[in-house]
PDB file of N, CA and C in Angstrom:
ATOM      1  N   MET A   1     122.984 172.459  87.442  1.00  0.00           N
ATOM      2  CA  MET A   1     123.570 173.784  87.588  1.00  0.00           C
ATOM      3  C   MET A   1     123.476 174.212  89.044  1.00  0.00           C
ATOM      4  N   ASN A   2     124.503 174.842  89.535  1.00  0.00           N
ATOM      5  CA  ASN A   2     124.518 175.329  90.906  1.00  0.00           C
ATOM      6  C   ASN A   2     123.721 176.614  91.029  1.00  0.00           C
ATOM      7  N   ASP A   3     123.075 176.782  92.170  1.00  0.00           N
ATOM      8  CA  ASP A   3     122.390 178.036  92.449  1.00  0.00           C
ATOM      9  C   ASP A   3     123.422 179.082  92.826  1.00  0.00           C
ATOM     10  N   ILE A   4     123.150 180.320  92.490  1.00  0.00           N
ATOM     11  CA  ILE A   4     124.012 181.414  92.905  1.00  0.00           C
ATOM     12  C   ILE A   4     123.546 181.836  94.298  1.00  0.00           C
ATOM     13  N   ALA A   5     124.384 181.621  95.275  1.00  0.00           N
ATOM     14  CA  ALA A   5     124.063 181.984  96.649  1.00  0.00           C
ATOM     15  C   ALA A   5     125.182 182.872  97.165  1.00  0.00           C
ATOM     16  N   LEU A   6     124.936 184.165  97.198  1.00  0.00           N
ATOM     17  CA  LEU A   6     125.948 185.109  97.655  1.00  0.00           C
ATOM     18  C   LEU A   6     125.903 185.218  99.170  1.00  0.00           C
ATOM     19  N   LYS A   7     127.081 185.160  99.768  1.00  0.00           N
ATOM     20  CA  LYS A   7     127.191 185.262 101.219  1.00  0.00           C
ATOM     21  C   LYS A   7     127.272 186.736 101.612  1.00  0.00           C
ATOM     22  N   PRO A   8     126.349 187.207 102.419  1.00  0.00           N
ATOM     23  CA  PRO A   8     126.356 188.624 102.788  1.00  0.00           C
ATOM     24  C   PRO A   8     127.578 189.060 103.576  1.00  0.00           C
ATOM     25  N   ASP A   9     128.252 188.132 104.267  1.00  0.00           N
ATOM     26  CA  ASP A   9     129.411 188.517 105.074  1.00  0.00           C
ATOM     27  C   ASP A   9     130.734 188.406 104.314  1.00  0.00           C
ATOM     28  N   ALA A  10     130.689 187.994 103.046  1.00  0.00           N
ATOM     29  CA  ALA A  10     131.902 187.875 102.235  1.00  0.00           C
ATOM     30  C   ALA A  10     132.166 189.178 101.487  1.00  0.00           C
ATOM     31  N   THR A  11     133.379 189.313 100.991  1.00  0.00           N
ATOM     32  CA  THR A  11     133.720 190.442 100.123  1.00  0.00           C
ATOM     33  C   THR A  11     133.387 190.037  98.695  1.00  0.00           C
ATOM     34  N   THR A  12     132.636 190.874  98.006  1.00  0.00           N
ATOM     35  CA  THR A  12     132.190 190.568  96.651  1.00  0.00           C
ATOM     36  C   THR A  12     132.954 191.428  95.655  1.00  0.00           C
ATOM     37  N   LEU A  13     133.499 190.775  94.643  1.00  0.00           N
ATOM     38  CA  LEU A  13     134.218 191.450  93.559  1.00  0.00           C
ATOM     39  C   LEU A  13     133.393 191.286  92.295  1.00  0.00           C
ATOM     40  N   VAL A  14     133.073 192.409  91.648  1.00  0.00           N
ATOM     41  CA  VAL A  14     132.321 192.387  90.402  1.00  0.00           C
ATOM     42  C   VAL A  14     133.190 192.999  89.318  1.00  0.00           C
ATOM     43  N   ASN A  15     133.391 192.238  88.244  1.00  0.00           N
ATOM     44  CA  ASN A  15     134.131 192.718  87.079  1.00  0.00           C
ATOM     45  C   ASN A  15     133.189 192.720  85.882  1.00  0.00           C
ATOM     46  N   VAL A  16     133.175 193.806  85.143  1.00  0.00           N
ATOM     47  CA  VAL A  16     132.409 193.874  83.907  1.00  0.00           C
ATOM     48  C   VAL A  16     133.414 193.962  82.771  1.00  0.00           C
ATOM     49  N   LEU A  17     133.413 192.941  81.915  1.00  0.00           N
ATOM     50  CA  LEU A  17     134.332 192.888  80.780  1.00  0.00           C
ATOM     51  C   LEU A  17     133.537 193.156  79.513  1.00  0.00           C
ATOM     52  N   THR A  18     133.948 194.153  78.770  1.00  0.00           N
ATOM     53  CA  THR A  18     133.282 194.509  77.525  1.00  0.00           C
ATOM     54  C   THR A  18     134.129 194.009  76.370  1.00  0.00           C
ATOM     55  N   CYS A  19     133.492 193.264  75.472  1.00  0.00           N
ATOM     56  CA  CYS A  19     134.227 192.638  74.381  1.00  0.00           C
ATOM     57  C   CYS A  19     133.456 192.735  73.074  1.00  0.00           C
ATOM     58  N   GLU A  20     134.136 192.390  72.002  1.00  0.00           N
ATOM     59  CA  GLU A  20     133.457 192.236  70.725  1.00  0.00           C
ATOM     60  C   GLU A  20     132.656 190.935  70.795  1.00  0.00           C
ATOM     61  N   PRO A  21     131.453 190.907  70.254  1.00  0.00           N
ATOM     62  CA  PRO A  21     130.670 189.669  70.295  1.00  0.00           C
ATOM     63  C   PRO A  21     131.412 188.454  69.734  1.00  0.00           C
ATOM     64  N   THR A  22     132.257 188.668  68.765  1.00  0.00           N
ATOM     65  CA  THR A  22     133.018 187.558  68.188  1.00  0.00           C
ATOM     66  C   THR A  22     134.083 187.026  69.140  1.00  0.00           C
ATOM     67  N   ASP A  23     134.417 187.784  70.182  1.00  0.00           N
ATOM     68  CA  ASP A  23     135.433 187.375  71.155  1.00  0.00           C
ATOM     69  C   ASP A  23     134.849 186.778  72.429  1.00  0.00           C
ATOM     70  N   GLN A  24     133.527 186.826  72.598  1.00  0.00           N
ATOM     71  CA  GLN A  24     132.948 186.411  73.873  1.00  0.00           C
ATOM     72  C   GLN A  24     133.248 184.947  74.204  1.00  0.00           C
ATOM     73  N   GLU A  25     133.135 184.040  73.270  1.00  0.00           N
ATOM     74  CA  GLU A  25     133.393 182.617  73.565  1.00  0.00           C
ATOM     75  C   GLU A  25     134.850 182.391  73.974  1.00  0.00           C
ATOM     76  N   ALA A  26     135.776 183.033  73.285  1.00  0.00           N
ATOM     77  CA  ALA A  26     137.190 182.903  73.645  1.00  0.00           C
ATOM     78  C   ALA A  26     137.441 183.497  75.024  1.00  0.00           C
ATOM     79  N   LEU A  27     136.793 184.607  75.322  1.00  0.00           N
ATOM     80  CA  LEU A  27     136.922 185.241  76.633  1.00  0.00           C
ATOM     81  C   LEU A  27     136.390 184.320  77.724  1.00  0.00           C
ATOM     82  N   LEU A  28     135.218 183.730  77.499  1.00  0.00           N
ATOM     83  CA  LEU A  28     134.647 182.807  78.477  1.00  0.00           C
ATOM     84  C   LEU A  28     135.556 181.603  78.700  1.00  0.00           C
ATOM     85  N   ALA A  29     136.129 181.087  77.636  1.00  0.00           N
ATOM     86  CA  ALA A  29     137.043 179.945  77.769  1.00  0.00           C
ATOM     87  C   ALA A  29     138.274 180.325  78.584  1.00  0.00           C
ATOM     88  N   LEU A  30     138.818 181.503  78.333  1.00  0.00           N
ATOM     89  CA  LEU A  30     139.984 181.974  79.085  1.00  0.00           C
ATOM     90  C   LEU A  30     139.630 182.154  80.562  1.00  0.00           C
ATOM     91  N   LEU A  31     138.478 182.736  80.826  1.00  0.00           N
ATOM     92  CA  LEU A  31     138.047 182.945  82.205  1.00  0.00           C
ATOM     93  C   LEU A  31     137.819 181.617  82.927  1.00  0.00           C
ATOM     94  N   ARG A  32     137.161 180.675  82.264  1.00  0.00           N
ATOM     95  CA  ARG A  32     136.945 179.358  82.885  1.00  0.00           C
ATOM     96  C   ARG A  32     138.278 178.695  83.211  1.00  0.00           C
ATOM     97  N   ASP A  33     139.221 178.762  82.285  1.00  0.00           N
ATOM     98  CA  ASP A  33     140.539 178.184  82.522  1.00  0.00           C
ATOM     99  C   ASP A  33     141.210 178.853  83.720  1.00  0.00           C
ATOM    100  N   ASN A  34     141.124 180.173  83.778  1.00  0.00           N
ATOM    101  CA  ASN A  34     141.719 180.924  84.889  1.00  0.00           C
ATOM    102  C   ASN A  34     141.084 180.547  86.221  1.00  0.00           C
ATOM    103  N   ILE A  35     139.776 180.403  86.239  1.00  0.00           N
ATOM    104  CA  ILE A  35     139.076 180.035  87.470  1.00  0.00           C
ATOM    105  C   ILE A  35     139.509 178.647  87.924  1.00  0.00           C
ATOM    106  N   GLU A  36     139.573 177.712  86.988  1.00  0.00           N
ATOM    107  CA  GLU A  36     139.912 176.324  87.325  1.00  0.00           C
ATOM    108  C   GLU A  36     141.372 176.150  87.749  1.00  0.00           C
ATOM    109  N   THR A  37     142.292 176.897  87.133  1.00  0.00           N
ATOM    110  CA  THR A  37     143.715 176.660  87.375  1.00  0.00           C
ATOM    111  C   THR A  37     144.368 177.646  88.339  1.00  0.00           C
ATOM    112  N   VAL A  38     143.776 178.828  88.500  1.00  0.00           N
ATOM    113  CA  VAL A  38     144.386 179.838  89.368  1.00  0.00           C
ATOM    114  C   VAL A  38     143.438 180.255  90.488  1.00  0.00           C
ATOM    115  N   ILE A  39     142.354 180.898  90.140  1.00  0.00           N
ATOM    116  CA  ILE A  39     141.449 181.500  91.130  1.00  0.00           C
ATOM    117  C   ILE A  39     141.025 180.496  92.207  1.00  0.00           C
ATOM    118  N   SER A  40     140.564 179.324  91.776  1.00  0.00           N
ATOM    119  CA  SER A  40     140.033 178.355  92.738  1.00  0.00           C
ATOM    120  C   SER A  40     141.094 177.782  93.672  1.00  0.00           C
ATOM    121  N   THR A  41     142.361 178.025  93.380  1.00  0.00           N
ATOM    122  CA  THR A  41     143.439 177.520  94.240  1.00  0.00           C
ATOM    123  C   THR A  41     143.914 178.551  95.258  1.00  0.00           C
ATOM    124  N   LEU A  42     143.422 179.771  95.154  1.00  0.00           N
ATOM    125  CA  LEU A  42     143.924 180.848  96.003  1.00  0.00           C
ATOM    126  C   LEU A  42     143.223 180.888  97.360  1.00  0.00           C
ATOM    127  N   ASP A  43     143.981 181.241  98.380  1.00  0.00           N
ATOM    128  CA  ASP A  43     143.467 181.354  99.727  1.00  0.00           C
ATOM    129  C   ASP A  43     142.415 182.457  99.797  1.00  0.00           C
ATOM    130  N   GLY A  44     141.288 182.148 100.390  1.00  0.00           N
ATOM    131  CA  GLY A  44     140.236 183.138 100.582  1.00  0.00           C
ATOM    132  C   GLY A  44     139.165 183.128  99.520  1.00  0.00           C
ATOM    133  N   TRP A  45     139.356 182.364  98.435  1.00  0.00           N
ATOM    134  CA  TRP A  45     138.348 182.293  97.374  1.00  0.00           C
ATOM    135  C   TRP A  45     137.154 181.482  97.847  1.00  0.00           C
ATOM    136  N   ILE A  46     135.940 181.949  97.549  1.00  0.00           N
ATOM    137  CA  ILE A  46     134.715 181.244  97.929  1.00  0.00           C
ATOM    138  C   ILE A  46     133.978 180.729  96.700  1.00  0.00           C
ATOM    139  N   ALA A  47     133.699 181.606  95.739  1.00  0.00           N
ATOM    140  CA  ALA A  47     132.918 181.205  94.566  1.00  0.00           C
ATOM    141  C   ALA A  47     133.069 182.241  93.456  1.00  0.00           C
ATOM    142  N   THR A  48     132.859 181.785  92.224  1.00  0.00           N
ATOM    143  CA  THR A  48     132.864 182.687  91.074  1.00  0.00           C
ATOM    144  C   THR A  48     131.741 182.281  90.125  1.00  0.00           C
ATOM    145  N   ASN A  49     131.023 183.290  89.629  1.00  0.00           N
ATOM    146  CA  ASN A  49     129.968 183.086  88.642  1.00  0.00           C
ATOM    147  C   ASN A  49     130.257 183.962  87.436  1.00  0.00           C
ATOM    148  N   LEU A  50     130.041 183.412  86.241  1.00  0.00           N
ATOM    149  CA  LEU A  50     130.191 184.169  84.996  1.00  0.00           C
ATOM    150  C   LEU A  50     128.808 184.366  84.397  1.00  0.00           C
ATOM    151  N   VAL A  51     128.526 185.598  84.004  1.00  0.00           N
ATOM    152  CA  VAL A  51     127.264 185.922  83.349  1.00  0.00           C
ATOM    153  C   VAL A  51     127.610 186.477  81.980  1.00  0.00           C
ATOM    154  N   SER A  52     127.108 185.812  80.921  1.00  0.00           N
ATOM    155  CA  SER A  52     127.416 186.283  79.566  1.00  0.00           C
ATOM    156  C   SER A  52     126.212 187.005  78.983  1.00  0.00           C
ATOM    157  N   ALA A  53     126.454 188.181  78.420  1.00  0.00           N
ATOM    158  CA  ALA A  53     125.391 188.947  77.780  1.00  0.00           C
ATOM    159  C   ALA A  53     124.914 188.202  76.540  1.00  0.00           C
ATOM    160  N   THR A  54     123.617 188.168  76.345  1.00  0.00           N
ATOM    161  CA  THR A  54     123.080 187.431  75.197  1.00  0.00           C
ATOM    162  C   THR A  54     123.482 188.051  73.867  1.00  0.00           C
ATOM    163  N   ASP A  55     123.838 189.335  73.866  1.00  0.00           N
ATOM    164  CA  ASP A  55     124.284 189.962  72.617  1.00  0.00           C
ATOM    165  C   ASP A  55     125.786 189.798  72.389  1.00  0.00           C
ATOM    166  N   GLY A  56     126.476 189.122  73.315  1.00  0.00           N
ATOM    167  CA  GLY A  56     127.900 188.845  73.167  1.00  0.00           C
ATOM    168  C   GLY A  56     128.828 189.977  73.539  1.00  0.00           C
ATOM    169  N   SER A  57     128.304 191.097  74.004  1.00  0.00           N
ATOM    170  CA  SER A  57     129.127 192.288  74.223  1.00  0.00           C
ATOM    171  C   SER A  57     129.783 192.382  75.598  1.00  0.00           C
ATOM    172  N   ARG A  58     129.347 191.554  76.548  1.00  0.00           N
ATOM    173  CA  ARG A  58     129.892 191.654  77.897  1.00  0.00           C
ATOM    174  C   ARG A  58     129.914 190.296  78.587  1.00  0.00           C
ATOM    175  N   VAL A  59     130.812 190.208  79.561  1.00  0.00           N
ATOM    176  CA  VAL A  59     130.823 189.109  80.518  1.00  0.00           C
ATOM    177  C   VAL A  59     130.969 189.758  81.886  1.00  0.00           C
ATOM    178  N   VAL A  60     130.115 189.361  82.796  1.00  0.00           N
ATOM    179  CA  VAL A  60     130.179 189.872  84.159  1.00  0.00           C
ATOM    180  C   VAL A  60     130.676 188.738  85.042  1.00  0.00           C
ATOM    181  N   ILE A  61     131.681 189.051  85.854  1.00  0.00           N
ATOM    182  CA  ILE A  61     132.227 188.088  86.805  1.00  0.00           C
ATOM    183  C   ILE A  61     131.812 188.539  88.199  1.00  0.00           C
ATOM    184  N   VAL A  62     131.141 187.661  88.916  1.00  0.00           N
ATOM    185  CA  VAL A  62     130.774 187.934  90.306  1.00  0.00           C
ATOM    186  C   VAL A  62     131.492 186.878  91.139  1.00  0.00           C
ATOM    187  N   SER A  63     132.432 187.327  91.948  1.00  0.00           N
ATOM    188  CA  SER A  63     133.155 186.371  92.786  1.00  0.00           C
ATOM    189  C   SER A  63     133.129 186.835  94.231  1.00  0.00           C
ATOM    190  N   GLN A  64     133.236 185.866  95.113  1.00  0.00           N
ATOM    191  CA  GLN A  64     133.253 186.189  96.530  1.00  0.00           C
ATOM    192  C   GLN A  64     134.521 185.653  97.169  1.00  0.00           C
ATOM    193  N   TRP A  65     134.998 186.450  98.104  1.00  0.00           N
ATOM    194  CA  TRP A  65     136.262 186.199  98.791  1.00  0.00           C
ATOM    195  C   TRP A  65     136.062 186.377 100.274  1.00  0.00           C
ATOM    196  N   ARG A  66     136.933 185.767 101.052  1.00  0.00           N
ATOM    197  CA  ARG A  66     136.862 185.854 102.514  1.00  0.00           C
ATOM    198  C   ARG A  66     136.865 187.310 102.977  1.00  0.00           C
ATOM    199  N   ASP A  67     137.749 188.129 102.381  1.00  0.00           N
ATOM    200  CA  ASP A  67     137.867 189.527 102.788  1.00  0.00           C
ATOM    201  C   ASP A  67     138.605 190.309 101.695  1.00  0.00           C
ATOM    202  N   ALA A  68     138.714 191.613 101.895  1.00  0.00           N
ATOM    203  CA  ALA A  68     139.371 192.474 100.912  1.00  0.00           C
ATOM    204  C   ALA A  68     140.849 192.124 100.745  1.00  0.00           C
ATOM    205  N   ALA A  69     141.488 191.648 101.801  1.00  0.00           N
ATOM    206  CA  ALA A  69     142.897 191.263 101.706  1.00  0.00           C
ATOM    207  C   ALA A  69     143.071 190.077 100.754  1.00  0.00           C
ATOM    208  N   ALA A  70     142.126 189.156 100.745  1.00  0.00           N
ATOM    209  CA  ALA A  70     142.190 188.013  99.823  1.00  0.00           C
ATOM    210  C   ALA A  70     142.027 188.474  98.376  1.00  0.00           C
ATOM    211  N   VAL A  71     141.184 189.476  98.153  1.00  0.00           N
ATOM    212  CA  VAL A  71     141.026 190.039  96.802  1.00  0.00           C
ATOM    213  C   VAL A  71     142.341 190.678  96.365  1.00  0.00           C
ATOM    214  N   LYS A  72     142.935 191.471  97.223  1.00  0.00           N
ATOM    215  CA  LYS A  72     144.205 192.138  96.904  1.00  0.00           C
ATOM    216  C   LYS A  72     145.298 191.110  96.619  1.00  0.00           C
ATOM    217  N   ALA A  73     145.360 190.056  97.428  1.00  0.00           N
ATOM    218  CA  ALA A  73     146.357 189.009  97.206  1.00  0.00           C
ATOM    219  C   ALA A  73     146.142 188.332  95.857  1.00  0.00           C
ATOM    220  N   MET A  74     144.896 188.099  95.470  1.00  0.00           N
ATOM    221  CA  MET A  74     144.595 187.513  94.163  1.00  0.00           C
ATOM    222  C   MET A  74     145.065 188.437  93.047  1.00  0.00           C
ATOM    223  N   GLN A  75     144.751 189.711  93.180  1.00  0.00           N
ATOM    224  CA  GLN A  75     145.072 190.670  92.124  1.00  0.00           C
ATOM    225  C   GLN A  75     146.570 190.843  91.921  1.00  0.00           C
ATOM    226  N   THR A  76     147.365 190.520  92.921  1.00  0.00           N
ATOM    227  CA  THR A  76     148.815 190.669  92.811  1.00  0.00           C
ATOM    228  C   THR A  76     149.543 189.332  92.692  1.00  0.00           C
ATOM    229  N   ASN A  77     148.788 188.230  92.706  1.00  0.00           N
ATOM    230  CA  ASN A  77     149.383 186.904  92.559  1.00  0.00           C
ATOM    231  C   ASN A  77     150.024 186.787  91.172  1.00  0.00           C
ATOM    232  N   GLU A  78     151.253 186.285  91.100  1.00  0.00           N
ATOM    233  CA  GLU A  78     151.979 186.241  89.820  1.00  0.00           C
ATOM    234  C   GLU A  78     151.269 185.399  88.770  1.00  0.00           C
ATOM    235  N   ARG A  79     150.585 184.328  89.171  1.00  0.00           N
ATOM    236  CA  ARG A  79     149.845 183.520  88.190  1.00  0.00           C
ATOM    237  C   ARG A  79     148.639 184.283  87.660  1.00  0.00           C
ATOM    238  N   MET A  80     148.014 185.084  88.517  1.00  0.00           N
ATOM    239  CA  MET A  80     146.883 185.903  88.078  1.00  0.00           C
ATOM    240  C   MET A  80     147.356 187.037  87.181  1.00  0.00           C
ATOM    241  N   VAL A  81     148.426 187.697  87.572  1.00  0.00           N
ATOM    242  CA  VAL A  81     148.967 188.809  86.792  1.00  0.00           C
ATOM    243  C   VAL A  81     149.318 188.348  85.369  1.00  0.00           C
ATOM    244  N   ALA A  82     149.743 187.096  85.229  1.00  0.00           N
ATOM    245  CA  ALA A  82     150.077 186.561  83.903  1.00  0.00           C
ATOM    246  C   ALA A  82     148.851 186.492  82.989  1.00  0.00           C
ATOM    247  N   TYR A  83     147.651 186.414  83.560  1.00  0.00           N
ATOM    248  CA  TYR A  83     146.428 186.380  82.755  1.00  0.00           C
ATOM    249  C   TYR A  83     145.998 187.764  82.267  1.00  0.00           C
ATOM    250  N   PHE A  84     146.390 188.826  82.954  1.00  0.00           N
ATOM    251  CA  PHE A  84     145.903 190.162  82.617  1.00  0.00           C
ATOM    252  C   PHE A  84     146.128 190.548  81.160  1.00  0.00           C
ATOM    253  N   PRO A  85     147.307 190.339  80.565  1.00  0.00           N
ATOM    254  CA  PRO A  85     147.481 190.701  79.154  1.00  0.00           C
ATOM    255  C   PRO A  85     146.578 189.884  78.220  1.00  0.00           C
ATOM    256  N   LYS A  86     146.340 188.623  78.559  1.00  0.00           N
ATOM    257  CA  LYS A  86     145.456 187.783  77.747  1.00  0.00           C
ATOM    258  C   LYS A  86     144.026 188.304  77.807  1.00  0.00           C
ATOM    259  N   LEU A  87     143.595 188.701  78.997  1.00  0.00           N
ATOM    260  CA  LEU A  87     142.254 189.266  79.151  1.00  0.00           C
ATOM    261  C   LEU A  87     142.139 190.602  78.428  1.00  0.00           C
ATOM    262  N   ALA A  88     143.162 191.432  78.572  1.00  0.00           N
ATOM    263  CA  ALA A  88     143.150 192.759  77.943  1.00  0.00           C
ATOM    264  C   ALA A  88     143.126 192.672  76.426  1.00  0.00           C
ATOM    265  N   ALA A  89     143.648 191.584  75.870  1.00  0.00           N
ATOM    266  CA  ALA A  89     143.621 191.404  74.419  1.00  0.00           C
ATOM    267  C   ALA A  89     142.205 191.117  73.917  1.00  0.00           C
ATOM    268  N   LEU A  90     141.334 190.647  74.803  1.00  0.00           N
ATOM    269  CA  LEU A  90     139.972 190.286  74.407  1.00  0.00           C
ATOM    270  C   LEU A  90     138.903 191.252  74.909  1.00  0.00           C
ATOM    271  N   ALA A  91     139.201 192.018  75.950  1.00  0.00           N
ATOM    272  CA  ALA A  91     138.146 192.842  76.548  1.00  0.00           C
ATOM    273  C   ALA A  91     138.714 193.995  77.362  1.00  0.00           C
ATOM    274  N   ARG A  92     137.880 195.021  77.541  1.00  0.00           N
ATOM    275  CA  ARG A  92     138.153 196.087  78.488  1.00  0.00           C
ATOM    276  C   ARG A  92     137.423 195.701  79.768  1.00  0.00           C
ATOM    277  N   PHE A  93     138.001 196.040  80.925  1.00  0.00           N
ATOM    278  CA  PHE A  93     137.293 195.653  82.137  1.00  0.00           C
ATOM    279  C   PHE A  93     137.310 196.728  83.195  1.00  0.00           C
ATOM    280  N   ASP A  94     136.258 196.670  83.998  1.00  0.00           N
ATOM    281  CA  ASP A  94     136.068 197.577  85.116  1.00  0.00           C
ATOM    282  C   ASP A  94     135.702 196.713  86.322  1.00  0.00           C
ATOM    283  N   ALA A  95     136.240 197.039  87.472  1.00  0.00           N
ATOM    284  CA  ALA A  95     136.005 196.221  88.662  1.00  0.00           C
ATOM    285  C   ALA A  95     135.588 197.081  89.842  1.00  0.00           C
ATOM    286  N   THR A  96     134.832 196.464  90.735  1.00  0.00           N
ATOM    287  CA  THR A  96     134.483 197.110  91.984  1.00  0.00           C
ATOM    288  C   THR A  96     134.410 196.045  93.083  1.00  0.00           C
ATOM    289  N   VAL A  97     134.838 196.416  94.272  1.00  0.00           N
ATOM    290  CA  VAL A  97     134.790 195.536  95.430  1.00  0.00           C
ATOM    291  C   VAL A  97     133.763 196.107  96.389  1.00  0.00           C
ATOM    292  N   GLY A  98     132.912 195.240  96.934  1.00  0.00           N
ATOM    293  CA  GLY A  98     131.905 195.717  97.846  1.00  0.00           C
ATOM    294  C   GLY A  98     131.328 194.588  98.683  1.00  0.00           C
ATOM    295  N   ALA A  99     130.157 194.863  99.226  1.00  0.00           N
ATOM    296  CA  ALA A  99     129.446 193.889 100.041  1.00  0.00           C
ATOM    297  C   ALA A  99     128.017 193.805  99.549  1.00  0.00           C
ATOM    298  N   ILE A 100     127.385 192.677  99.776  1.00  0.00           N
ATOM    299  CA  ILE A 100     125.991 192.511  99.393  1.00  0.00           C
ATOM    300  C   ILE A 100     125.154 193.464 100.247  1.00  0.00           C
ATOM    301  N   ALA A 101     124.461 194.380  99.589  1.00  0.00           N
ATOM    302  CA  ALA A 101     123.660 195.374 100.311  1.00  0.00           C
ATOM    303  C   ALA A 101     122.222 194.912 100.515  1.00  0.00           C
ATOM    304  N   TYR A 102     121.757 194.024  99.639  1.00  0.00           N
ATOM    305  CA  TYR A 102     120.401 193.510  99.755  1.00  0.00           C
ATOM    306  C   TYR A 102     120.343 192.202  98.993  1.00  0.00           C
ATOM    307  N   GLN A 103     119.644 191.238  99.561  1.00  0.00           N
ATOM    308  CA  GLN A 103     119.510 189.945  98.908  1.00  0.00           C
ATOM    309  C   GLN A 103     118.145 189.371  99.226  1.00  0.00           C
ATOM    310  N   ARG A 104     117.499 188.832  98.199  1.00  0.00           N
ATOM    311  CA  ARG A 104     116.222 188.156  98.384  1.00  0.00           C
ATOM    312  C   ARG A 104     116.156 187.030  97.373  1.00  0.00           C
ATOM    313  N   ALA A 105     115.668 185.916  97.756  1.00  0.00           N
ATOM    314  CA  ALA A 105     115.536 184.777  96.860  1.00  0.00           C
ATOM    315  C   ALA A 105     114.182 184.114  97.058  1.00  0.00           C
ATOM    316  N   ALA A 106     113.762 183.407  96.043  1.00  0.00           N
ATOM    317  CA  ALA A 106     112.487 182.677  96.124  1.00  0.00           C
ATOM    318  C   ALA A 106     112.661 181.417  96.921  1.00  0.00           C
TER     319      ALA A 106
END
């Protein structure tokens, strides 16, 4: 398994997707497919991590991008936009763009 190493100088996008526990596996599969076929091919993408709630109610996506313009380009990319209805059928989501404010690791 890869370590999660967030770059402090990158733009960080955090999405919290709330779903029914019975939908979490399907949501994770859809997200993995999207990351492999769309996200990872886009200019400015650095890394994406998925965190699944043990109770099945949420999936948190933490991704890093070169800059805010790369995030905006991803959000408006036609291949990405095609995924939005599929995601919306499985979960509600909230997103925020920011920067790493503090980081410490062992």
